[in-house]
Amino acid sequence: MASVHTNCVGTYVRPAVPATSSRPPFNAAAAAACPLLSKRNLLLLVPLLAMPATPVFAAGASDEYQVYEEQDKFSLTVPKDWIKGEGKAGSRRVVAFHPSKATFPNVNVIITNLGADFTGIGSLGSVDAFAASVVGSMDRSYKRPPGTAARLVNAVSRNGMYYLDYTVQTPGEAQRHFFSVAGVGETQFYKQLYTATGQYWEADGDRDRKALQEAIESFRIVHK
């Protein structure tokens, strides 16, 4: 069974590794606890399990479908054979999408209600400061012996959202590559922080990179 672990901008989906797999097993010590994004009081997101569910897809292109979440007011595009999983981390809702017969690659969306002190994505600081906080919270490469190494590849602010590109290398585990986007939506009563994160094994980049990039680039907050 695959487990889902949250970080600052999304979730790590840890696949159940078959005995015959060449993938290294999950190292529990690598699940980095990092602060939830709050201006005043930073809390920890707790691990949870993604519960498989059948997604409802709208009409889309021949090789991919657009997913529209009526409850959570977001849309994104994922490959047509992907399925949906759901869960919670405290009061935060998590929605995950992954291939029907595998847990990697995957895209996960976390929706967090925000306090009145959030006025927009800029409340998280500049995109560079945000990226440094996210990646820095996971990086333990400076320790002795070295722990998880997280490296920022790129950070861009565009159309009111922050886009991050980074890698994570945990000792004893293959390197993972992440694409993330963070944005703020607003309902009639409160604001919400949306963080969508796609991840894949770096070694499978030729196969998975394009699908993950397109999914994150397609992410939209409907009630923004």
C-alpha atoms as a PDB file:
ATOM      1  CA  MET A   1       0.000   0.000   0.000  1.00  0.00           C
ATOM      2  CA  ALA A   2       1.305   3.439  -0.876  1.00  0.00           C
ATOM      3  CA  SER A   3       1.605   6.053   1.844  1.00  0.00           C
ATOM      4  CA  VAL A   4       1.296   9.794   1.448  1.00  0.00           C
ATOM      5  CA  HIS A   5       3.503  12.209   3.395  1.00  0.00           C
ATOM      6  CA  THR A   6       2.998  15.946   3.259  1.00  0.00           C
ATOM      7  CA  ASN A   7       5.642  18.612   2.908  1.00  0.00           C
ATOM      8  CA  CYS A   8       5.387  22.396   2.631  1.00  0.00           C
ATOM      9  CA  VAL A   9       4.138  22.433  -0.916  1.00  0.00           C
ATOM     10  CA  GLY A  10       2.578  19.064  -1.451  1.00  0.00           C
ATOM     11  CA  THR A  11       2.800  15.378  -0.678  1.00  0.00           C
ATOM     12  CA  TYR A  12       5.303  12.632  -1.110  1.00  0.00           C
ATOM     13  CA  VAL A  13       3.581   9.467  -2.274  1.00  0.00           C
ATOM     14  CA  ARG A  14       5.746   6.572  -1.146  1.00  0.00           C
ATOM     15  CA  PRO A  15       5.110   3.507  -3.324  1.00  0.00           C
ATOM     16  CA  ALA A  16       4.907  -0.001  -1.898  1.00  0.00           C
ATOM     17  CA  VAL A  17       8.100  -1.468  -3.391  1.00  0.00           C
ATOM     18  CA  PRO A  18       7.807  -5.095  -4.588  1.00  0.00           C
ATOM     19  CA  ALA A  19      10.480  -7.523  -3.433  1.00  0.00           C
ATOM     20  CA  THR A  20      11.712  -7.847  -7.006  1.00  0.00           C
ATOM     21  CA  SER A  21      11.921  -4.121  -7.593  1.00  0.00           C
ATOM     22  CA  SER A  22      15.240  -2.409  -8.099  1.00  0.00           C
ATOM     23  CA  ARG A  23      13.914   0.612  -6.233  1.00  0.00           C
ATOM     24  CA  PRO A  24      15.406   1.107  -2.770  1.00  0.00           C
ATOM     25  CA  PRO A  25      12.927   0.792   0.137  1.00  0.00           C
ATOM     26  CA  PHE A  26      11.383   3.818   1.796  1.00  0.00           C
ATOM     27  CA  ASN A  27      13.564   5.217   4.546  1.00  0.00           C
ATOM     28  CA  ALA A  28      11.170   6.419   7.260  1.00  0.00           C
ATOM     29  CA  ALA A  29      13.754   8.855   8.582  1.00  0.00           C
ATOM     30  CA  ALA A  30      13.528  10.754   5.308  1.00  0.00           C
ATOM     31  CA  ALA A  31       9.988  11.992   5.921  1.00  0.00           C
ATOM     32  CA  ALA A  32      10.992  15.576   6.689  1.00  0.00           C
ATOM     33  CA  ALA A  33       8.724  17.499   9.021  1.00  0.00           C
ATOM     34  CA  CYS A  34       8.377  21.047   7.760  1.00  0.00           C
ATOM     35  CA  PRO A  35       6.247  24.004   8.789  1.00  0.00           C
ATOM     36  CA  LEU A  36       2.852  24.536   7.266  1.00  0.00           C
ATOM     37  CA  LEU A  37       2.647  27.856   5.523  1.00  0.00           C
ATOM     38  CA  SER A  38       1.245  30.295   8.057  1.00  0.00           C
ATOM     39  CA  LYS A  39       2.460  33.796   8.760  1.00  0.00           C
ATOM     40  CA  ARG A  40       2.330  33.618  12.532  1.00  0.00           C
ATOM     41  CA  ASN A  41       2.217  30.044  13.775  1.00  0.00           C
ATOM     42  CA  LEU A  42       3.699  27.231  11.670  1.00  0.00           C
ATOM     43  CA  LEU A  43       2.215  23.774  12.215  1.00  0.00           C
ATOM     44  CA  LEU A  44       3.253  20.301  11.066  1.00  0.00           C
ATOM     45  CA  LEU A  45       1.343  18.342   8.466  1.00  0.00           C
ATOM     46  CA  VAL A  46       0.863  14.706   9.474  1.00  0.00           C
ATOM     47  CA  PRO A  47       1.192  11.589   7.287  1.00  0.00           C
ATOM     48  CA  LEU A  48      -1.972  10.107   5.792  1.00  0.00           C
ATOM     49  CA  LEU A  49      -3.084   7.395   3.402  1.00  0.00           C
ATOM     50  CA  ALA A  50      -4.457   8.123  -0.048  1.00  0.00           C
ATOM     51  CA  MET A  51      -7.764   6.323  -0.452  1.00  0.00           C
ATOM     52  CA  PRO A  52      -8.316   5.203  -4.073  1.00  0.00           C
ATOM     53  CA  ALA A  53     -11.452   6.580  -5.662  1.00  0.00           C
ATOM     54  CA  THR A  54     -12.762   6.844  -9.189  1.00  0.00           C
ATOM     55  CA  PRO A  55     -12.227  10.350 -10.563  1.00  0.00           C
ATOM     56  CA  VAL A  56     -14.824  12.173 -12.627  1.00  0.00           C
ATOM     57  CA  PHE A  57     -13.176  13.425 -15.801  1.00  0.00           C
ATOM     58  CA  ALA A  58     -14.475  16.112 -18.107  1.00  0.00           C
ATOM     59  CA  ALA A  59     -13.899  15.944 -21.851  1.00  0.00           C
ATOM     60  CA  GLY A  60     -10.273  16.442 -22.800  1.00  0.00           C
ATOM     61  CA  ALA A  61      -7.619  15.848 -25.414  1.00  0.00           C
ATOM     62  CA  SER A  62      -6.979  12.394 -26.860  1.00  0.00           C
ATOM     63  CA  ASP A  63      -4.142  11.574 -24.457  1.00  0.00           C
ATOM     64  CA  GLU A  64      -5.214  13.508 -21.373  1.00  0.00           C
ATOM     65  CA  TYR A  65      -8.271  14.653 -19.481  1.00  0.00           C
ATOM     66  CA  GLN A  66      -9.091  17.755 -17.532  1.00  0.00           C
ATOM     67  CA  VAL A  67     -10.121  17.156 -13.946  1.00  0.00           C
ATOM     68  CA  TYR A  68     -12.536  19.629 -12.404  1.00  0.00           C
ATOM     69  CA  GLU A  69     -13.092  19.443  -8.643  1.00  0.00           C
ATOM     70  CA  GLU A  70     -16.516  20.850  -7.791  1.00  0.00           C
ATOM     71  CA  GLN A  71     -15.938  20.587  -4.042  1.00  0.00           C
ATOM     72  CA  ASP A  72     -12.446  22.083  -3.998  1.00  0.00           C
ATOM     73  CA  LYS A  73     -12.754  24.503  -6.924  1.00  0.00           C
ATOM     74  CA  PHE A  74      -9.622  23.654  -8.886  1.00  0.00           C
ATOM     75  CA  SER A  75      -8.865  22.123 -12.247  1.00  0.00           C
ATOM     76  CA  LEU A  76      -5.838  20.454 -13.800  1.00  0.00           C
ATOM     77  CA  THR A  77      -4.992  18.119 -16.645  1.00  0.00           C
ATOM     78  CA  VAL A  78      -3.736  14.588 -16.043  1.00  0.00           C
ATOM     79  CA  PRO A  79      -3.222  11.536 -18.310  1.00  0.00           C
ATOM     80  CA  LYS A  80      -6.423   9.660 -19.043  1.00  0.00           C
ATOM     81  CA  ASP A  81      -5.431   6.444 -17.245  1.00  0.00           C
ATOM     82  CA  TRP A  82      -4.786   8.148 -13.888  1.00  0.00           C
ATOM     83  CA  ILE A  83      -7.063   7.643 -10.885  1.00  0.00           C
ATOM     84  CA  LYS A  84      -7.869   9.759  -7.859  1.00  0.00           C
ATOM     85  CA  GLY A  85      -7.143   9.314  -4.163  1.00  0.00           C
ATOM     86  CA  GLU A  86      -8.312  11.467  -1.256  1.00  0.00           C
ATOM     87  CA  GLY A  87      -7.318  12.058   2.340  1.00  0.00           C
ATOM     88  CA  LYS A  88      -6.871  14.638   5.088  1.00  0.00           C
ATOM     89  CA  ALA A  89      -3.974  16.088   7.067  1.00  0.00           C
ATOM     90  CA  GLY A  90      -5.708  17.601  10.049  1.00  0.00           C
ATOM     91  CA  SER A  91      -8.170  20.124   8.621  1.00  0.00           C
ATOM     92  CA  ARG A  92      -6.361  20.179   5.288  1.00  0.00           C
ATOM     93  CA  ARG A  93      -7.799  18.277   2.358  1.00  0.00           C
ATOM     94  CA  VAL A  94      -5.478  16.298   0.079  1.00  0.00           C
ATOM     95  CA  VAL A  95      -6.421  15.069  -3.399  1.00  0.00           C
ATOM     96  CA  ALA A  96      -3.979  12.825  -5.272  1.00  0.00           C
ATOM     97  CA  PHE A  97      -3.826  11.611  -8.876  1.00  0.00           C
ATOM     98  CA  HIS A  98      -1.636   8.750 -10.126  1.00  0.00           C
ATOM     99  CA  PRO A  99      -1.572   5.975 -12.751  1.00  0.00           C
ATOM    100  CA  SER A 100      -4.164   3.250 -12.242  1.00  0.00           C
ATOM    101  CA  LYS A 101      -1.509   0.547 -11.821  1.00  0.00           C
ATOM    102  CA  ALA A 102       1.244   2.503 -10.039  1.00  0.00           C
ATOM    103  CA  THR A 103       1.795   5.272  -7.499  1.00  0.00           C
ATOM    104  CA  PHE A 104       4.595   7.016  -9.418  1.00  0.00           C
ATOM    105  CA  PRO A 105       4.533   9.507 -11.030  1.00  0.00           C
ATOM    106  CA  ASN A 106       1.776  11.435  -9.242  1.00  0.00           C
ATOM    107  CA  VAL A 107       0.233  14.843  -8.627  1.00  0.00           C
ATOM    108  CA  ASN A 108      -1.134  15.908  -5.248  1.00  0.00           C
ATOM    109  CA  VAL A 109      -3.174  18.963  -4.280  1.00  0.00           C
ATOM    110  CA  ILE A 110      -3.438  20.282  -0.707  1.00  0.00           C
ATOM    111  CA  ILE A 111      -6.132  22.819   0.196  1.00  0.00           C
ATOM    112  CA  THR A 112      -5.600  24.822   3.400  1.00  0.00           C
ATOM    113  CA  ASN A 113      -7.914  27.440   4.910  1.00  0.00           C
ATOM    114  CA  LEU A 114      -6.031  30.656   5.649  1.00  0.00           C
ATOM    115  CA  GLY A 115      -6.280  33.257   8.370  1.00  0.00           C
ATOM    116  CA  ALA A 116      -7.230  36.888   7.914  1.00  0.00           C
ATOM    117  CA  ASP A 117      -3.559  37.916   7.852  1.00  0.00           C
ATOM    118  CA  PHE A 118      -3.166  36.362   4.397  1.00  0.00           C
ATOM    119  CA  THR A 119      -3.928  38.856   1.662  1.00  0.00           C
ATOM    120  CA  GLY A 120      -2.522  36.832  -1.249  1.00  0.00           C
ATOM    121  CA  ILE A 121       0.413  34.719  -2.365  1.00  0.00           C
ATOM    122  CA  GLY A 122       2.761  37.580  -1.459  1.00  0.00           C
ATOM    123  CA  SER A 123       1.960  36.926   2.210  1.00  0.00           C
ATOM    124  CA  LEU A 124       4.285  33.931   1.900  1.00  0.00           C
ATOM    125  CA  GLY A 125       7.159  36.251   0.964  1.00  0.00           C
ATOM    126  CA  SER A 126       8.812  36.570  -2.432  1.00  0.00           C
ATOM    127  CA  VAL A 127       8.983  33.514  -4.668  1.00  0.00           C
ATOM    128  CA  ASP A 128      12.713  33.215  -3.934  1.00  0.00           C
ATOM    129  CA  ALA A 129      12.150  33.373  -0.179  1.00  0.00           C
ATOM    130  CA  PHE A 130       9.293  30.881  -0.443  1.00  0.00           C
ATOM    131  CA  ALA A 131      11.402  28.472  -2.507  1.00  0.00           C
ATOM    132  CA  ALA A 132      14.334  28.764  -0.109  1.00  0.00           C
ATOM    133  CA  SER A 133      12.028  27.988   2.829  1.00  0.00           C
ATOM    134  CA  VAL A 134      10.440  24.979   1.124  1.00  0.00           C
ATOM    135  CA  VAL A 135      13.653  23.399  -0.123  1.00  0.00           C
ATOM    136  CA  GLY A 136      15.659  24.396   2.937  1.00  0.00           C
ATOM    137  CA  SER A 137      13.139  22.730   5.246  1.00  0.00           C
ATOM    138  CA  MET A 138      13.876  19.390   3.553  1.00  0.00           C
ATOM    139  CA  ASP A 139      17.630  19.683   3.074  1.00  0.00           C
ATOM    140  CA  ARG A 140      19.759  17.798   5.587  1.00  0.00           C
ATOM    141  CA  SER A 141      22.807  17.318   3.364  1.00  0.00           C
ATOM    142  CA  TYR A 142      24.916  19.478   5.686  1.00  0.00           C
ATOM    143  CA  LYS A 143      24.572  17.066   8.587  1.00  0.00           C
ATOM    144  CA  ARG A 144      27.142  14.393   9.482  1.00  0.00           C
ATOM    145  CA  PRO A 145      26.431  11.836   8.258  1.00  0.00           C
ATOM    146  CA  PRO A 146      24.606  13.631   5.431  1.00  0.00           C
ATOM    147  CA  GLY A 147      20.832  13.278   5.329  1.00  0.00           C
ATOM    148  CA  THR A 148      18.301  14.141   2.645  1.00  0.00           C
ATOM    149  CA  ALA A 149      19.685  16.483  -0.008  1.00  0.00           C
ATOM    150  CA  ALA A 150      17.167  18.919  -1.501  1.00  0.00           C
ATOM    151  CA  ARG A 151      18.212  21.181  -4.377  1.00  0.00           C
ATOM    152  CA  LEU A 152      16.283  24.047  -5.956  1.00  0.00           C
ATOM    153  CA  VAL A 153      16.413  24.022  -9.750  1.00  0.00           C
ATOM    154  CA  ASN A 154      14.168  27.022 -10.476  1.00  0.00           C
ATOM    155  CA  ALA A 155      11.556  29.305  -8.912  1.00  0.00           C
ATOM    156  CA  VAL A 156       9.222  31.594 -10.872  1.00  0.00           C
ATOM    157  CA  SER A 157       6.317  33.890  -9.998  1.00  0.00           C
ATOM    158  CA  ARG A 158       3.700  33.972 -12.752  1.00  0.00           C
ATOM    159  CA  ASN A 159       0.016  34.943 -12.944  1.00  0.00           C
ATOM    160  CA  GLY A 160      -0.281  35.309  -9.187  1.00  0.00           C
ATOM    161  CA  MET A 161       1.175  31.877  -8.402  1.00  0.00           C
ATOM    162  CA  TYR A 162       4.588  30.521  -7.389  1.00  0.00           C
ATOM    163  CA  TYR A 163       6.141  27.712  -9.450  1.00  0.00           C
ATOM    164  CA  LEU A 164       8.991  25.610  -8.067  1.00  0.00           C
ATOM    165  CA  ASP A 165      11.267  22.993  -9.632  1.00  0.00           C
ATOM    166  CA  TYR A 166      13.454  20.992  -7.226  1.00  0.00           C
ATOM    167  CA  THR A 167      14.989  17.579  -6.521  1.00  0.00           C
ATOM    168  CA  VAL A 168      15.177  15.477  -3.372  1.00  0.00           C
ATOM    169  CA  GLN A 169      17.782  12.774  -2.800  1.00  0.00           C
ATOM    170  CA  THR A 170      17.301  10.638   0.313  1.00  0.00           C
ATOM    171  CA  PRO A 171      20.109   8.284   1.386  1.00  0.00           C
ATOM    172  CA  GLY A 172      19.298   4.773   0.208  1.00  0.00           C
ATOM    173  CA  GLU A 173      16.598   5.961  -2.169  1.00  0.00           C
ATOM    174  CA  ALA A 174      16.501   6.961  -5.825  1.00  0.00           C
ATOM    175  CA  GLN A 175      16.366  10.695  -6.544  1.00  0.00           C
ATOM    176  CA  ARG A 176      12.950  12.271  -7.007  1.00  0.00           C
ATOM    177  CA  HIS A 177      12.118  15.348  -9.067  1.00  0.00           C
ATOM    178  CA  PHE A 178       9.326  17.748  -8.076  1.00  0.00           C
ATOM    179  CA  PHE A 179       7.298  20.427  -9.828  1.00  0.00           C
ATOM    180  CA  SER A 180       5.077  22.534  -7.551  1.00  0.00           C
ATOM    181  CA  VAL A 181       2.706  25.453  -7.833  1.00  0.00           C
ATOM    182  CA  ALA A 182       1.191  27.479  -4.974  1.00  0.00           C
ATOM    183  CA  GLY A 183      -1.669  29.933  -5.222  1.00  0.00           C
ATOM    184  CA  VAL A 184      -4.397  31.547  -3.114  1.00  0.00           C
ATOM    185  CA  GLY A 185      -8.106  31.264  -3.836  1.00  0.00           C
ATOM    186  CA  GLU A 186     -10.976  33.008  -2.102  1.00  0.00           C
ATOM    187  CA  THR A 187     -14.462  31.832  -1.197  1.00  0.00           C
ATOM    188  CA  GLN A 188     -17.277  34.000   0.145  1.00  0.00           C
ATOM    189  CA  PHE A 189     -16.023  33.452   3.692  1.00  0.00           C
ATOM    190  CA  TYR A 190     -12.260  32.824   3.663  1.00  0.00           C
ATOM    191  CA  LYS A 191      -9.111  32.455   1.605  1.00  0.00           C
ATOM    192  CA  GLN A 192      -7.519  29.113   0.785  1.00  0.00           C
ATOM    193  CA  LEU A 193      -3.962  28.137  -0.064  1.00  0.00           C
ATOM    194  CA  TYR A 194      -3.668  25.608  -2.885  1.00  0.00           C
ATOM    195  CA  THR A 195      -0.411  23.714  -3.380  1.00  0.00           C
ATOM    196  CA  ALA A 196      -0.174  21.247  -6.271  1.00  0.00           C
ATOM    197  CA  THR A 197       2.935  19.062  -6.452  1.00  0.00           C
ATOM    198  CA  GLY A 198       3.982  16.543  -9.087  1.00  0.00           C
ATOM    199  CA  GLN A 199       6.806  14.094  -8.511  1.00  0.00           C
ATOM    200  CA  TYR A 200       8.599  11.371 -10.453  1.00  0.00           C
ATOM    201  CA  TRP A 201      11.733   9.270 -10.194  1.00  0.00           C
ATOM    202  CA  GLU A 202      14.587  11.196 -11.817  1.00  0.00           C
ATOM    203  CA  ALA A 203      15.708   8.008 -13.561  1.00  0.00           C
ATOM    204  CA  ASP A 204      12.329   7.842 -15.310  1.00  0.00           C
ATOM    205  CA  GLY A 205      12.491  11.451 -16.442  1.00  0.00           C
ATOM    206  CA  ASP A 206      12.402  10.720 -20.154  1.00  0.00           C
ATOM    207  CA  ARG A 207       9.028   9.052 -19.693  1.00  0.00           C
ATOM    208  CA  ASP A 208       7.391  11.100 -16.919  1.00  0.00           C
ATOM    209  CA  ARG A 209       8.805  14.636 -16.962  1.00  0.00           C
ATOM    210  CA  LYS A 210       6.562  16.022 -19.708  1.00  0.00           C
ATOM    211  CA  ALA A 211       3.341  14.688 -18.147  1.00  0.00           C
ATOM    212  CA  LEU A 212       4.202  16.162 -14.745  1.00  0.00           C
ATOM    213  CA  GLN A 213       5.216  19.552 -16.150  1.00  0.00           C
ATOM    214  CA  GLU A 214       2.013  19.781 -18.165  1.00  0.00           C
ATOM    215  CA  ALA A 215      -0.132  18.804 -15.172  1.00  0.00           C
ATOM    216  CA  ILE A 216       1.390  21.483 -12.924  1.00  0.00           C
ATOM    217  CA  GLU A 217       1.304  24.132 -15.656  1.00  0.00           C
ATOM    218  CA  SER A 218      -2.383  23.350 -16.236  1.00  0.00           C
ATOM    219  CA  PHE A 219      -3.364  23.822 -12.594  1.00  0.00           C
ATOM    220  CA  ARG A 220      -5.991  26.518 -12.054  1.00  0.00           C
ATOM    221  CA  ILE A 221      -7.885  27.778  -9.001  1.00  0.00           C
ATOM    222  CA  VAL A 222     -11.486  28.161 -10.160  1.00  0.00           C
ATOM    223  CA  HIS A 223     -12.797  30.589  -7.532  1.00  0.00           C
ATOM    224  CA  LYS A 224      -9.655  32.733  -7.449  1.00  0.00           C
END
